[in-house]
Amino acid sequence: MRTFLVSGLALASAAVASAKISLPNGWFKIPPEKRIDSGKFNGKPRYLTWMADSQIKHGVEPTFAYTVSAYLSGILLAYDRTGDDKYRDYVKHHTDTVLYPAWNGEILLYNNSNSIDDIRFGHTFLDMYNLTGGEEIYKIAADSLKDQIDRSFRTPDGGFYHRYPAYIDQMWLDGIYMLDVFYARWTHEFQPDNTTAWDDIALQFDLIDAGTTVDRDRTNGLPVHGFDVSKKSTWADPETGAAPHVWGRAVGWYIMALVDTLDYFSEKHEGRARLVKYLQSVADAIVAAQDPKYKGWYNIMDPGLESRSGNYIESSGSAMFVYGLLKGVRHGYLEGKKYLDAALSGYELMTETFAEKRKGDGALVWEWTVQTGSLSSNGTFEYYASMPLFENDLKGVAPFLFSSYEYELYIERQNK
């Protein structure tokens, strides 16, 4: 009898264990059990939606971080190309999360930040403001970040500190992307005739160009990571204040800042021509720095350091370059076969090597992205080379989404 009861219980337990229960999705647009479809575009996988769906499924923490904001901009590019509401709704949910619990335009954990990295999320608020037909809560949140620009500390020449009080008198290439693109967008949408603002935005590019290209003969025209007006930082050159090395992702932020700012910068302002000139200059240097064999770009880009132990082809900077070059060509800022050749060969490296299919559920994984690089360090080669690689780091995922969007637009133009 006891054997019968034990056997019966075992069978019942097995039946329960094997029963499949369908759970409600909640707000999740792609449930955990779903396989990711790679889609098709031009006879190949559709990397824009494949990566977007993969990241949505596997989860991104909805924080008020520049990395998340850049990623959400990439998701909205998938929405732009497909019209699939799941992408718009996903971004709205993330955006709303950082406005809870106050729900009056106050940003969760913002605390009157003095880091210009935080300003990047202003794009996400403006995206939602426009997509919802002008819901005021998103404009209030965006305005608080514009207010941060207005109260930001500056160098004697008027350049924005990268962060106060941590980086007094320092301007970094990264910061131009975080602050000045939003500054230009906000001005374009709400004060397009504000000449003072356009003067100020152009000034930031003038200053960063002058401060980071003082050694352009040594760097073959590539800008170094940043500069310190006071020349007091450990890494600052005692005569110029410039950082010692060309860091790939910093240059990537810079070319993205240029092509994106030009979307908004006044056509009537004389500074626009200077921005185009800066774009052409850095694009020439980027094309020249592309590795002829691997078709990507090194983490530390100083000429002569390509084969130094610890250096490698890095994915986030490479993706940013591909995006900047493709967009620059599309808008006519960059003319010539060399830009397109560099971009397309770089994109092939991204899709064939940096992006890997996950065996379990078919999701796309992004690899070879360096986790960080900062002038809070000593700025040495050894520092940059020692930083770890992260899988699916949003600083690489976002520009891959951007470049995949531009690639689709390029292919469509070719097929017309």
Protein backbone atom coordinates (compact mmCIF):
# COMPACT_ATOMS: atom_id res chain seq x y z
CA MET A 1 0.00 0.00 0.00
CA ARG A 2 2.78 2.39 0.94
CA THR A 3 4.57 1.71 -2.33
CA PHE A 4 1.37 2.49 -4.20
CA LEU A 5 0.92 5.79 -2.37
CA VAL A 6 4.52 6.86 -2.96
CA SER A 7 4.25 5.99 -6.64
CA GLY A 8 0.98 7.88 -6.90
CA LEU A 9 2.46 10.98 -5.28
CA ALA A 10 5.48 10.85 -7.58
CA LEU A 11 3.26 10.65 -10.65
CA ALA A 12 1.13 13.53 -9.42
CA SER A 13 4.25 15.66 -8.74
CA ALA A 14 5.62 14.90 -12.19
CA ALA A 15 2.32 15.90 -13.77
CA VAL A 16 2.34 19.23 -11.92
CA ALA A 17 5.98 19.87 -12.81
CA SER A 18 5.39 19.19 -16.47
CA ALA A 19 2.26 21.31 -16.72
CA LYS A 20 2.94 24.57 -18.61
CA ILE A 21 1.41 27.65 -17.08
CA SER A 22 0.95 30.73 -19.25
CA LEU A 23 1.64 33.84 -17.21
CA PRO A 24 0.31 37.32 -17.99
CA ASN A 25 2.85 39.60 -19.68
CA GLY A 26 2.27 42.63 -17.47
CA TRP A 27 3.81 45.62 -19.25
CA PHE A 28 6.48 43.46 -20.89
CA LYS A 29 6.10 43.62 -24.65
CA ILE A 30 8.13 40.46 -25.27
CA PRO A 31 7.53 37.62 -22.77
CA PRO A 32 10.49 35.62 -21.42
CA GLU A 33 9.59 32.41 -23.23
CA LYS A 34 9.43 34.04 -26.68
CA ARG A 35 12.16 33.39 -29.24
CA ILE A 36 13.52 36.47 -30.96
CA ASP A 37 13.00 36.66 -34.70
CA SER A 38 15.93 38.16 -36.59
CA GLY A 39 13.63 39.51 -39.31
CA LYS A 40 14.76 40.27 -42.83
CA PHE A 41 16.05 43.38 -44.56
CA ASN A 42 17.69 43.43 -47.97
CA GLY A 43 18.11 39.65 -47.83
CA LYS A 44 19.90 39.69 -44.48
CA PRO A 45 18.82 39.82 -40.82
CA ARG A 46 17.19 43.09 -39.84
CA TYR A 47 19.63 44.18 -37.19
CA LEU A 48 17.73 47.29 -36.09
CA THR A 49 14.66 45.39 -34.90
CA TRP A 50 16.60 42.26 -33.96
CA MET A 51 18.73 44.19 -31.49
CA ALA A 52 15.80 46.28 -30.26
CA ASP A 53 13.68 43.20 -29.57
CA SER A 54 16.61 41.40 -27.94
CA GLN A 55 17.26 44.21 -25.48
CA ILE A 56 13.56 44.68 -24.72
CA LYS A 57 13.19 41.01 -23.91
CA HIS A 58 16.29 40.66 -21.76
CA GLY A 59 15.64 43.86 -19.88
CA VAL A 60 17.15 47.30 -19.36
CA GLU A 61 16.80 48.99 -15.99
CA PRO A 62 14.64 52.13 -16.40
CA THR A 63 17.01 54.66 -14.86
CA PHE A 64 17.78 58.31 -15.50
CA ALA A 65 21.11 57.55 -17.17
CA TYR A 66 22.57 58.88 -20.40
CA THR A 67 23.18 55.31 -21.52
CA VAL A 68 19.50 54.44 -21.11
CA SER A 69 18.39 57.63 -22.88
CA ALA A 70 20.66 56.90 -25.85
CA TYR A 71 19.34 53.34 -25.98
CA LEU A 72 15.72 54.58 -25.88
CA SER A 73 16.50 56.89 -28.80
CA GLY A 74 17.61 53.79 -30.69
CA ILE A 75 14.38 51.99 -29.83
CA LEU A 76 12.43 54.93 -31.22
CA LEU A 77 14.33 54.58 -34.48
CA ALA A 78 12.89 51.06 -34.70
CA TYR A 79 9.48 52.63 -34.13
CA ASP A 80 10.17 55.18 -36.86
CA ARG A 81 11.04 52.43 -39.33
CA THR A 82 8.29 49.95 -38.47
CA GLY A 83 5.42 51.90 -36.91
CA ASP A 84 5.12 49.10 -34.34
CA ASP A 85 3.53 50.58 -31.22
CA LYS A 86 5.41 48.21 -28.92
CA TYR A 87 8.54 50.32 -29.36
CA ARG A 88 6.81 53.62 -28.58
CA ASP A 89 4.96 52.13 -25.60
CA TYR A 90 8.16 50.62 -24.24
CA VAL A 91 9.96 53.97 -24.32
CA LYS A 92 6.99 55.72 -22.74
CA HIS A 93 6.95 53.22 -19.87
CA HIS A 94 10.65 53.80 -19.21
CA THR A 95 10.20 57.56 -19.35
CA ASP A 96 7.21 57.52 -17.03
CA THR A 97 9.12 55.40 -14.53
CA VAL A 98 11.72 58.13 -13.95
CA LEU A 99 8.92 60.65 -13.37
CA TYR A 100 7.31 58.62 -10.59
CA PRO A 101 6.27 58.99 -7.84
CA ALA A 102 5.83 62.78 -7.99
CA TRP A 103 4.29 62.76 -11.50
CA ASN A 104 4.59 66.53 -11.80
CA GLY A 105 7.69 66.73 -14.00
CA GLU A 106 10.12 66.14 -11.16
CA ILE A 107 12.80 63.63 -12.18
CA LEU A 108 13.37 60.73 -9.81
CA LEU A 109 16.77 60.97 -8.06
CA TYR A 110 17.81 63.99 -10.14
CA ASN A 111 18.70 66.15 -7.13
CA ASN A 112 19.73 69.22 -9.15
CA SER A 113 22.65 67.42 -10.75
CA ASN A 114 25.73 69.28 -11.95
CA SER A 115 26.83 66.47 -14.27
CA ILE A 116 26.23 67.23 -17.91
CA ASP A 117 25.88 63.49 -18.57
CA ASP A 118 22.40 63.74 -17.04
CA ILE A 119 21.27 66.29 -19.61
CA ARG A 120 21.16 63.62 -22.32
CA PHE A 121 17.84 62.31 -20.94
CA GLY A 122 16.26 65.54 -22.10
CA HIS A 123 15.95 64.00 -25.56
CA THR A 124 13.79 61.23 -24.16
CA PHE A 125 11.48 63.72 -22.46
CA LEU A 126 11.17 65.74 -25.67
CA ASP A 127 10.54 62.57 -27.66
CA MET A 128 7.63 61.73 -25.38
CA TYR A 129 6.40 65.31 -25.41
CA ASN A 130 6.19 65.19 -29.20
CA LEU A 131 4.84 61.64 -29.47
CA THR A 132 2.03 62.30 -26.97
CA GLY A 133 0.92 65.45 -28.72
CA GLY A 134 2.38 67.75 -26.08
CA GLU A 135 1.73 66.26 -22.65
CA GLU A 136 3.05 69.00 -20.41
CA ILE A 137 4.72 66.76 -17.83
CA TYR A 138 7.43 65.81 -20.33
CA LYS A 139 8.07 69.44 -21.25
CA ILE A 140 8.44 70.33 -17.57
CA ALA A 141 11.02 67.58 -17.13
CA ALA A 142 12.91 68.67 -20.25
CA ASP A 143 12.85 72.28 -19.09
CA SER A 144 14.48 71.31 -15.80
CA LEU A 145 17.43 69.98 -17.80
CA LYS A 146 17.55 73.15 -19.87
CA ASP A 147 17.64 75.02 -16.54
CA GLN A 148 20.66 72.91 -15.60
CA ILE A 149 22.42 74.18 -18.72
CA ASP A 150 21.63 77.76 -17.75
CA ARG A 151 23.12 77.33 -14.27
CA SER A 152 26.11 75.22 -15.30
CA PHE A 153 29.60 76.36 -14.37
CA ARG A 154 31.96 77.43 -17.13
CA THR A 155 35.59 77.89 -18.01
CA PRO A 156 36.92 81.45 -18.36
CA ASP A 157 36.26 81.22 -22.12
CA GLY A 158 32.65 80.09 -21.60
CA GLY A 159 32.95 76.35 -22.06
CA PHE A 160 30.80 74.09 -19.89
CA TYR A 161 32.58 72.18 -17.12
CA HIS A 162 32.14 68.47 -17.63
CA ARG A 163 30.97 68.24 -14.03
CA TYR A 164 31.07 70.52 -11.01
CA PRO A 165 32.89 70.37 -8.66
CA ALA A 166 34.66 67.17 -9.77
CA TYR A 167 36.05 68.43 -13.10
CA ILE A 168 36.53 72.18 -12.77
CA ASP A 169 37.93 73.83 -15.92
CA GLN A 170 37.71 70.58 -17.89
CA MET A 171 35.93 69.99 -21.21
CA TRP A 172 35.61 66.44 -22.57
CA LEU A 173 34.48 65.27 -26.00
CA ASP A 174 31.84 63.11 -24.28
CA GLY A 175 30.19 66.17 -22.76
CA ILE A 176 29.61 67.83 -26.12
CA TYR A 177 27.29 64.97 -27.02
CA MET A 178 25.54 64.90 -23.65
CA LEU A 179 24.79 68.63 -23.41
CA ASP A 180 25.08 70.46 -26.69
CA VAL A 181 22.85 68.30 -28.88
CA PHE A 182 20.00 68.73 -26.38
CA TYR A 183 20.79 72.44 -26.06
CA ALA A 184 20.47 72.77 -29.85
CA ARG A 185 17.30 70.69 -29.96
CA TRP A 186 15.59 72.58 -27.15
CA THR A 187 16.50 75.90 -28.80
CA HIS A 188 15.30 74.69 -32.20
CA GLU A 189 11.94 73.55 -30.84
CA PHE A 190 11.16 76.41 -28.47
CA GLN A 191 13.39 79.43 -29.20
CA PRO A 192 14.59 79.10 -32.82
CA ASP A 193 15.37 82.81 -33.12
CA ASN A 194 17.51 82.94 -29.98
CA THR A 195 20.78 84.09 -31.53
CA THR A 196 22.50 84.16 -28.15
CA ALA A 197 21.82 80.46 -27.69
CA TRP A 198 23.13 79.59 -31.16
CA ASP A 199 26.26 81.66 -30.44
CA ASP A 200 26.75 79.74 -27.23
CA ILE A 201 26.28 76.32 -28.82
CA ALA A 202 28.72 77.14 -31.62
CA LEU A 203 31.19 78.38 -29.00
CA GLN A 204 31.23 74.99 -27.29
CA PHE A 205 32.30 73.31 -30.53
CA ASP A 206 34.88 76.03 -31.20
CA LEU A 207 36.40 75.52 -27.77
CA ILE A 208 36.43 71.71 -27.82
CA ASP A 209 38.00 71.70 -31.27
CA ALA A 210 40.68 74.18 -30.28
CA GLY A 211 41.45 72.44 -26.99
CA THR A 212 41.61 68.84 -28.26
CA THR A 213 43.44 69.26 -31.58
CA VAL A 214 46.50 71.18 -30.35
CA ASP A 215 48.60 68.11 -31.17
CA ARG A 216 46.92 67.24 -34.46
CA ASP A 217 50.20 66.50 -36.25
CA ARG A 218 50.95 63.71 -33.78
CA THR A 219 47.37 62.38 -33.77
CA ASN A 220 46.80 62.70 -37.55
CA GLY A 221 43.97 65.13 -36.92
CA LEU A 222 42.16 63.08 -34.27
CA PRO A 223 41.07 64.98 -31.14
CA VAL A 224 42.32 63.86 -27.75
CA HIS A 225 39.82 62.97 -25.00
CA GLY A 226 39.61 66.43 -23.43
CA PHE A 227 41.53 69.35 -21.97
CA ASP A 228 41.97 71.22 -18.73
CA VAL A 229 42.14 75.01 -18.99
CA SER A 230 43.89 75.24 -15.63
CA LYS A 231 46.46 72.57 -16.63
CA LYS A 232 46.27 71.20 -13.07
CA SER A 233 44.98 67.69 -13.79
CA THR A 234 47.37 64.77 -13.52
CA TRP A 235 46.94 64.00 -17.20
CA ALA A 236 47.02 67.59 -18.53
CA ASP A 237 49.89 68.69 -20.74
CA PRO A 238 51.72 71.43 -18.81
CA GLU A 239 51.73 73.76 -21.81
CA THR A 240 48.41 73.04 -23.57
CA GLY A 241 46.28 71.35 -20.91
CA ALA A 242 45.39 68.62 -23.42
CA ALA A 243 44.84 64.99 -22.48
CA PRO A 244 47.59 62.62 -23.68
CA HIS A 245 45.56 60.12 -25.69
CA VAL A 246 42.89 59.69 -28.35
CA TRP A 247 40.21 57.48 -26.86
CA GLY A 248 37.97 55.89 -29.48
CA ARG A 249 34.59 56.25 -27.80
CA ALA A 250 35.24 59.88 -26.91
CA VAL A 251 35.85 60.62 -30.59
CA GLY A 252 32.69 58.63 -31.31
CA TRP A 253 30.61 60.80 -28.98
CA TYR A 254 32.06 63.83 -30.74
CA ILE A 255 31.22 62.84 -34.32
CA MET A 256 27.71 61.87 -33.16
CA ALA A 257 27.39 65.26 -31.47
CA LEU A 258 28.28 67.01 -34.71
CA VAL A 259 25.90 65.13 -37.02
CA ASP A 260 23.06 65.29 -34.49
CA THR A 261 23.51 68.96 -33.59
CA LEU A 262 23.38 69.83 -37.29
CA ASP A 263 19.83 68.39 -37.33
CA TYR A 264 18.78 71.37 -35.23
CA PHE A 265 21.38 74.10 -35.67
CA SER A 266 20.08 77.28 -37.29
CA GLU A 267 20.55 77.41 -41.05
CA LYS A 268 20.93 81.19 -40.76
CA HIS A 269 23.75 81.20 -38.22
CA GLU A 270 27.36 81.50 -39.35
CA GLY A 271 28.42 78.89 -36.81
CA ARG A 272 26.76 76.16 -38.83
CA ALA A 273 29.53 76.26 -41.45
CA ARG A 274 32.13 75.82 -38.71
CA LEU A 275 30.33 72.75 -37.35
CA VAL A 276 30.32 71.21 -40.84
CA LYS A 277 34.04 71.96 -41.11
CA TYR A 278 34.70 70.25 -37.75
CA LEU A 279 32.68 67.25 -38.91
CA GLN A 280 34.61 66.97 -42.15
CA SER A 281 37.92 67.25 -40.33
CA VAL A 282 37.18 64.54 -37.76
CA ALA A 283 35.58 62.31 -40.41
CA ASP A 284 38.76 62.48 -42.51
CA ALA A 285 40.82 61.51 -39.47
CA ILE A 286 38.46 58.66 -38.59
CA VAL A 287 38.55 57.20 -42.09
CA ALA A 288 42.34 57.37 -42.08
CA ALA A 289 42.46 55.58 -38.71
CA GLN A 290 40.32 52.60 -39.75
CA ASP A 291 42.28 49.37 -39.51
CA PRO A 292 42.85 48.18 -43.10
CA LYS A 293 42.56 44.51 -42.18
CA TYR A 294 39.79 44.34 -39.58
CA LYS A 295 37.82 47.42 -40.75
CA GLY A 296 37.18 48.60 -37.21
CA TRP A 297 38.78 51.18 -34.95
CA TYR A 298 41.05 50.77 -31.96
CA ASN A 299 40.15 51.54 -28.39
CA ILE A 300 43.20 53.83 -28.12
CA MET A 301 43.59 55.53 -31.48
CA ASP A 302 46.92 57.36 -31.25
CA PRO A 303 48.96 56.56 -34.37
CA GLY A 304 51.62 53.98 -33.61
CA LEU A 305 49.75 52.38 -30.72
CA GLU A 306 47.61 50.04 -32.81
CA SER A 307 49.70 46.95 -32.14
CA ARG A 308 50.73 47.80 -28.59
CA SER A 309 49.84 45.08 -26.11
CA GLY A 310 46.46 45.81 -24.54
CA ASN A 311 44.97 47.63 -27.51
CA TYR A 312 42.15 46.10 -29.57
CA ILE A 313 39.36 46.84 -32.03
CA GLU A 314 36.53 48.22 -29.87
CA SER A 315 32.85 48.02 -30.77
CA SER A 316 31.18 51.13 -29.34
CA GLY A 317 33.54 53.65 -30.93
CA SER A 318 33.40 51.70 -34.20
CA ALA A 319 29.59 51.80 -34.17
CA MET A 320 29.60 55.53 -33.47
CA PHE A 321 31.94 56.15 -36.39
CA VAL A 322 29.78 54.12 -38.76
CA TYR A 323 26.72 56.09 -37.66
CA GLY A 324 28.45 59.45 -37.99
CA LEU A 325 29.84 58.66 -41.42
CA LEU A 326 26.58 57.24 -42.82
CA LYS A 327 24.53 60.15 -41.50
CA GLY A 328 27.09 62.68 -42.69
CA VAL A 329 26.95 61.19 -46.18
CA ARG A 330 23.14 61.10 -46.15
CA HIS A 331 22.90 64.81 -45.37
CA GLY A 332 25.58 65.79 -47.85
CA TYR A 333 28.08 67.01 -45.25
CA LEU A 334 30.54 64.35 -46.34
CA GLU A 335 31.12 63.79 -50.05
CA GLY A 336 33.36 61.11 -51.44
CA LYS A 337 33.56 57.36 -51.80
CA LYS A 338 36.01 56.92 -48.92
CA TYR A 339 33.43 57.81 -46.27
CA LEU A 340 30.89 55.34 -47.53
CA ASP A 341 33.47 52.60 -48.00
CA ALA A 342 34.69 53.01 -44.43
CA ALA A 343 31.16 53.04 -43.04
CA LEU A 344 29.91 50.00 -44.95
CA SER A 345 32.97 47.88 -44.22
CA GLY A 346 32.72 48.92 -40.57
CA TYR A 347 29.06 47.97 -40.49
CA GLU A 348 29.88 44.55 -41.90
CA LEU A 349 32.36 44.02 -39.06
CA MET A 350 29.65 44.99 -36.59
CA THR A 351 27.08 42.56 -37.94
CA GLU A 352 29.47 39.70 -38.59
CA THR A 353 31.66 39.93 -35.48
CA PHE A 354 30.45 42.27 -32.74
CA ALA A 355 26.83 41.07 -32.89
CA GLU A 356 26.35 37.41 -31.95
CA LYS A 357 23.21 35.31 -31.93
CA ARG A 358 22.29 33.83 -28.56
CA LYS A 359 21.75 30.08 -28.98
CA GLY A 360 18.98 29.73 -26.44
CA ASP A 361 16.35 32.16 -27.69
CA GLY A 362 17.81 33.67 -30.85
CA ALA A 363 18.42 37.06 -29.23
CA LEU A 364 21.25 39.26 -30.46
CA VAL A 365 24.18 39.92 -28.12
CA TRP A 366 26.53 42.90 -28.51
CA GLU A 367 30.17 42.30 -27.59
CA TRP A 368 33.59 43.99 -27.44
CA THR A 369 32.44 47.22 -25.74
CA VAL A 370 34.80 48.74 -23.21
CA GLN A 371 32.93 49.49 -19.99
CA THR A 372 34.34 52.95 -19.35
CA GLY A 373 37.04 55.50 -20.03
CA SER A 374 37.31 58.64 -17.97
CA LEU A 375 39.55 61.59 -17.34
CA SER A 376 38.93 61.08 -13.65
CA SER A 377 41.91 58.76 -14.14
CA ASN A 378 45.55 59.46 -14.94
CA GLY A 379 44.67 59.25 -18.65
CA THR A 380 47.44 56.82 -19.52
CA PHE A 381 47.45 54.11 -22.16
CA GLU A 382 47.59 51.55 -19.38
CA TYR A 383 44.44 52.98 -17.82
CA TYR A 384 42.36 52.84 -20.99
CA ALA A 385 43.70 49.39 -21.87
CA SER A 386 42.87 48.00 -18.42
CA MET A 387 39.15 48.72 -18.51
CA PRO A 388 36.95 45.59 -18.83
CA LEU A 389 34.74 44.61 -21.74
CA PHE A 390 31.00 44.39 -21.07
CA GLU A 391 28.40 42.37 -22.94
CA ASN A 392 25.34 44.31 -24.13
CA ASP A 393 26.73 47.56 -22.77
CA LEU A 394 24.27 50.24 -23.84
CA LYS A 395 27.13 52.51 -24.87
CA GLY A 396 27.65 50.04 -27.70
CA VAL A 397 24.08 48.87 -28.22
CA ALA A 398 22.74 52.40 -28.76
CA PRO A 399 25.12 53.41 -31.59
CA PHE A 400 24.60 49.99 -33.18
CA LEU A 401 20.88 50.79 -33.32
CA PHE A 402 21.68 54.25 -34.72
CA SER A 403 24.00 52.87 -37.40
CA SER A 404 21.53 50.11 -38.32
CA TYR A 405 18.89 52.78 -38.86
CA GLU A 406 21.22 54.74 -41.12
CA TYR A 407 22.17 51.56 -42.96
CA GLU A 408 18.52 50.88 -43.74
CA LEU A 409 18.08 54.41 -45.09
CA TYR A 410 21.20 53.97 -47.23
CA ILE A 411 19.99 50.67 -48.71
CA GLU A 412 16.59 52.18 -49.52
CA ARG A 413 18.24 55.06 -51.36
CA GLN A 414 20.31 52.57 -53.35
CA ASN A 415 17.24 50.55 -54.30
CA LYS A 416 15.24 53.48 -55.65
